[in-house]
Amino acid sequence: MRQLNKDDIIKQYEESGKIMYEATLSADYKANNREGAKLTRIFKRLEKDSDLAHACIAELLESDNVVVRTKAAAYCLALEINILEAERILQEIRDNPENRIFGFNAGMVLEVWKKDGKLSIYQKRITTDCIWRWKMAVKRGVL
């Protein structure tokens, strides 16, 4: 993936957020998953560049798109930045009856955050090295 700057990232989130909004309402899970994967790749970049993350997320939290705002607030929780603002935004989205399924999504993010005290945006992959080490530990009777 080419290096994206703040403007590129904001543009991609707004475009993907619009597609994901429509895809959710029309139950087009393939389009939703495709756009979600794009945003996850960008999030992985934001994890590594806190200055870029702060700059982008601050603007994304102000988006008119409920999907974008929910993602940005979830990213705040995952990165442990702007936690109070993120919780407030998710509660606001959750409590607005106009948001329907999107309010439910925001509520689930809050529920996981409050229950676990942390939030993961994506599932970390287990490498073949980890699997090999696990198998060796089992073989030696350590596990």
Protein backbone atom coordinates (compact mmCIF):
# COMPACT_ATOMS: atom_id res chain seq x y z
CA MET A 1 0.00 0.00 0.00
CA ARG A 2 1.35 3.43 -0.91
CA GLN A 3 2.04 5.93 1.83
CA LEU A 4 -1.10 7.91 2.58
CA ASN A 5 -1.13 11.38 4.04
CA LYS A 6 -3.81 12.83 6.32
CA ASP A 7 -5.95 14.11 3.45
CA ASP A 8 -5.80 10.74 1.66
CA ILE A 9 -6.82 8.94 4.83
CA ILE A 10 -9.73 11.28 5.57
CA LYS A 11 -10.94 10.95 1.97
CA GLN A 12 -10.72 7.15 2.09
CA TYR A 13 -12.61 6.99 5.39
CA GLU A 14 -15.38 9.23 4.10
CA GLU A 15 -15.69 7.22 0.86
CA SER A 16 -15.61 3.87 2.65
CA GLY A 17 -17.94 5.13 5.37
CA LYS A 18 -20.54 6.12 2.78
CA ILE A 19 -20.29 2.72 1.09
CA MET A 20 -20.45 0.91 4.43
CA TYR A 21 -23.49 2.93 5.50
CA GLU A 22 -25.40 1.99 2.35
CA ALA A 23 -24.11 -1.59 2.40
CA THR A 24 -25.29 -2.06 5.98
CA LEU A 25 -28.78 -0.82 5.16
CA SER A 26 -29.00 -3.03 2.06
CA ALA A 27 -27.39 -6.06 3.78
CA ASP A 28 -24.53 -6.11 1.25
CA TYR A 29 -22.00 -7.77 3.53
CA LYS A 30 -19.45 -8.23 0.74
CA ALA A 31 -19.21 -4.50 0.05
CA ASN A 32 -19.16 -3.78 3.78
CA ASN A 33 -16.36 -6.30 4.40
CA ARG A 34 -14.34 -5.01 1.43
CA GLU A 35 -14.44 -1.43 2.69
CA GLY A 36 -13.85 -2.54 6.27
CA ALA A 37 -10.67 -4.32 5.16
CA LYS A 38 -9.43 -1.10 3.54
CA LEU A 39 -9.99 0.81 6.76
CA THR A 40 -8.32 -1.87 8.86
CA ARG A 41 -5.18 -1.59 6.70
CA ILE A 42 -5.16 2.16 7.33
CA PHE A 43 -5.73 1.63 11.06
CA LYS A 44 -2.64 -0.59 11.19
CA ARG A 45 -0.68 2.36 9.81
CA LEU A 46 -2.19 4.69 12.40
CA GLU A 47 -1.12 2.27 15.14
CA LYS A 48 2.49 2.87 14.08
CA ASP A 49 2.28 6.66 13.63
CA SER A 50 0.70 8.37 16.63
CA ASP A 51 1.04 11.88 15.19
CA LEU A 52 -0.83 10.87 12.05
CA ALA A 53 -3.39 8.98 14.16
CA HIS A 54 -4.11 12.02 16.34
CA ALA A 55 -4.42 14.31 13.31
CA CYS A 56 -6.73 11.99 11.37
CA ILE A 57 -8.89 10.76 14.21
CA ALA A 58 -9.60 14.28 15.47
CA GLU A 59 -11.09 15.13 12.08
CA LEU A 60 -12.87 11.79 11.64
CA LEU A 61 -14.65 12.26 14.98
CA GLU A 62 -16.31 15.34 13.44
CA SER A 63 -17.62 13.47 10.38
CA ASP A 64 -21.30 13.68 9.46
CA ASN A 65 -21.22 9.95 8.67
CA VAL A 66 -22.22 7.80 11.65
CA VAL A 67 -20.07 4.89 10.43
CA VAL A 68 -16.97 7.09 10.25
CA ARG A 69 -17.64 8.60 13.68
CA THR A 70 -18.17 5.15 15.22
CA LYS A 71 -14.94 3.82 13.69
CA ALA A 72 -12.98 6.89 14.82
CA ALA A 73 -14.32 6.60 18.37
CA ALA A 74 -13.50 2.87 18.41
CA TYR A 75 -9.97 3.69 17.22
CA CYS A 76 -9.60 6.13 20.11
CA LEU A 77 -10.47 3.36 22.54
CA ALA A 78 -8.16 0.85 20.84
CA LEU A 79 -5.28 3.34 20.83
CA GLU A 80 -6.19 4.61 24.30
CA ILE A 81 -6.45 8.25 23.23
CA ASN A 82 -9.31 10.73 23.76
CA ILE A 83 -11.16 8.05 25.73
CA LEU A 84 -13.76 10.32 27.35
CA GLU A 85 -14.63 11.96 24.03
CA ALA A 86 -14.82 8.57 22.32
CA GLU A 87 -17.16 7.22 24.99
CA ARG A 88 -19.34 10.34 24.75
CA ILE A 89 -19.59 10.05 20.96
CA LEU A 90 -20.43 6.34 21.08
CA GLN A 91 -23.10 6.97 23.75
CA GLU A 92 -24.55 9.78 21.64
CA ILE A 93 -24.70 7.53 18.57
CA ARG A 94 -26.13 4.64 20.60
CA ASP A 95 -28.84 6.77 22.22
CA ASN A 96 -30.09 8.45 19.03
CA PRO A 97 -33.04 6.37 17.73
CA GLU A 98 -32.45 7.67 14.20
CA ASN A 99 -29.21 5.68 14.07
CA ARG A 100 -30.97 2.28 14.29
CA ILE A 101 -28.43 -0.49 13.53
CA PHE A 102 -25.57 1.99 13.70
CA GLY A 103 -26.61 2.89 17.24
CA PHE A 104 -26.59 -0.80 18.09
CA ASN A 105 -23.05 -1.09 16.67
CA ALA A 106 -21.86 1.87 18.75
CA GLY A 107 -23.48 0.33 21.82
CA MET A 108 -21.69 -2.97 21.23
CA VAL A 109 -18.33 -1.18 20.94
CA LEU A 110 -19.02 0.51 24.28
CA GLU A 111 -20.13 -2.74 25.87
CA VAL A 112 -16.96 -4.58 24.84
CA TRP A 113 -14.80 -1.64 25.96
CA LYS A 114 -16.45 -1.46 29.38
CA LYS A 115 -16.43 -5.23 29.87
CA ASP A 116 -12.84 -5.91 28.74
CA GLY A 117 -11.21 -2.55 29.43
CA LYS A 118 -9.62 -2.71 25.99
CA LEU A 119 -10.70 -2.88 22.38
CA SER A 120 -9.15 -4.73 19.46
CA ILE A 121 -9.90 -3.47 15.97
CA TYR A 122 -8.68 -6.58 14.20
CA GLN A 123 -7.69 -10.09 15.13
CA LYS A 124 -3.95 -10.56 15.38
CA ARG A 125 -2.70 -13.39 13.20
CA ILE A 126 -0.91 -16.34 14.64
CA THR A 127 2.35 -16.85 12.78
CA THR A 128 3.68 -20.23 11.76
CA ASP A 129 6.53 -19.62 14.20
CA CYS A 130 4.03 -19.31 17.05
CA ILE A 131 2.30 -22.51 15.96
CA TRP A 132 5.64 -24.34 15.75
CA ARG A 133 6.62 -23.16 19.25
CA TRP A 134 3.25 -24.26 20.61
CA LYS A 135 3.60 -27.71 19.02
CA MET A 136 7.11 -28.09 20.44
CA ALA A 137 5.91 -27.11 23.92
CA VAL A 138 3.12 -29.67 23.70
CA LYS A 139 5.56 -32.32 22.49
CA ARG A 140 7.90 -31.62 25.44
CA GLY A 141 4.97 -31.81 27.83
CA VAL A 142 5.24 -28.17 28.88
CA LEU A 143 1.62 -27.53 27.85
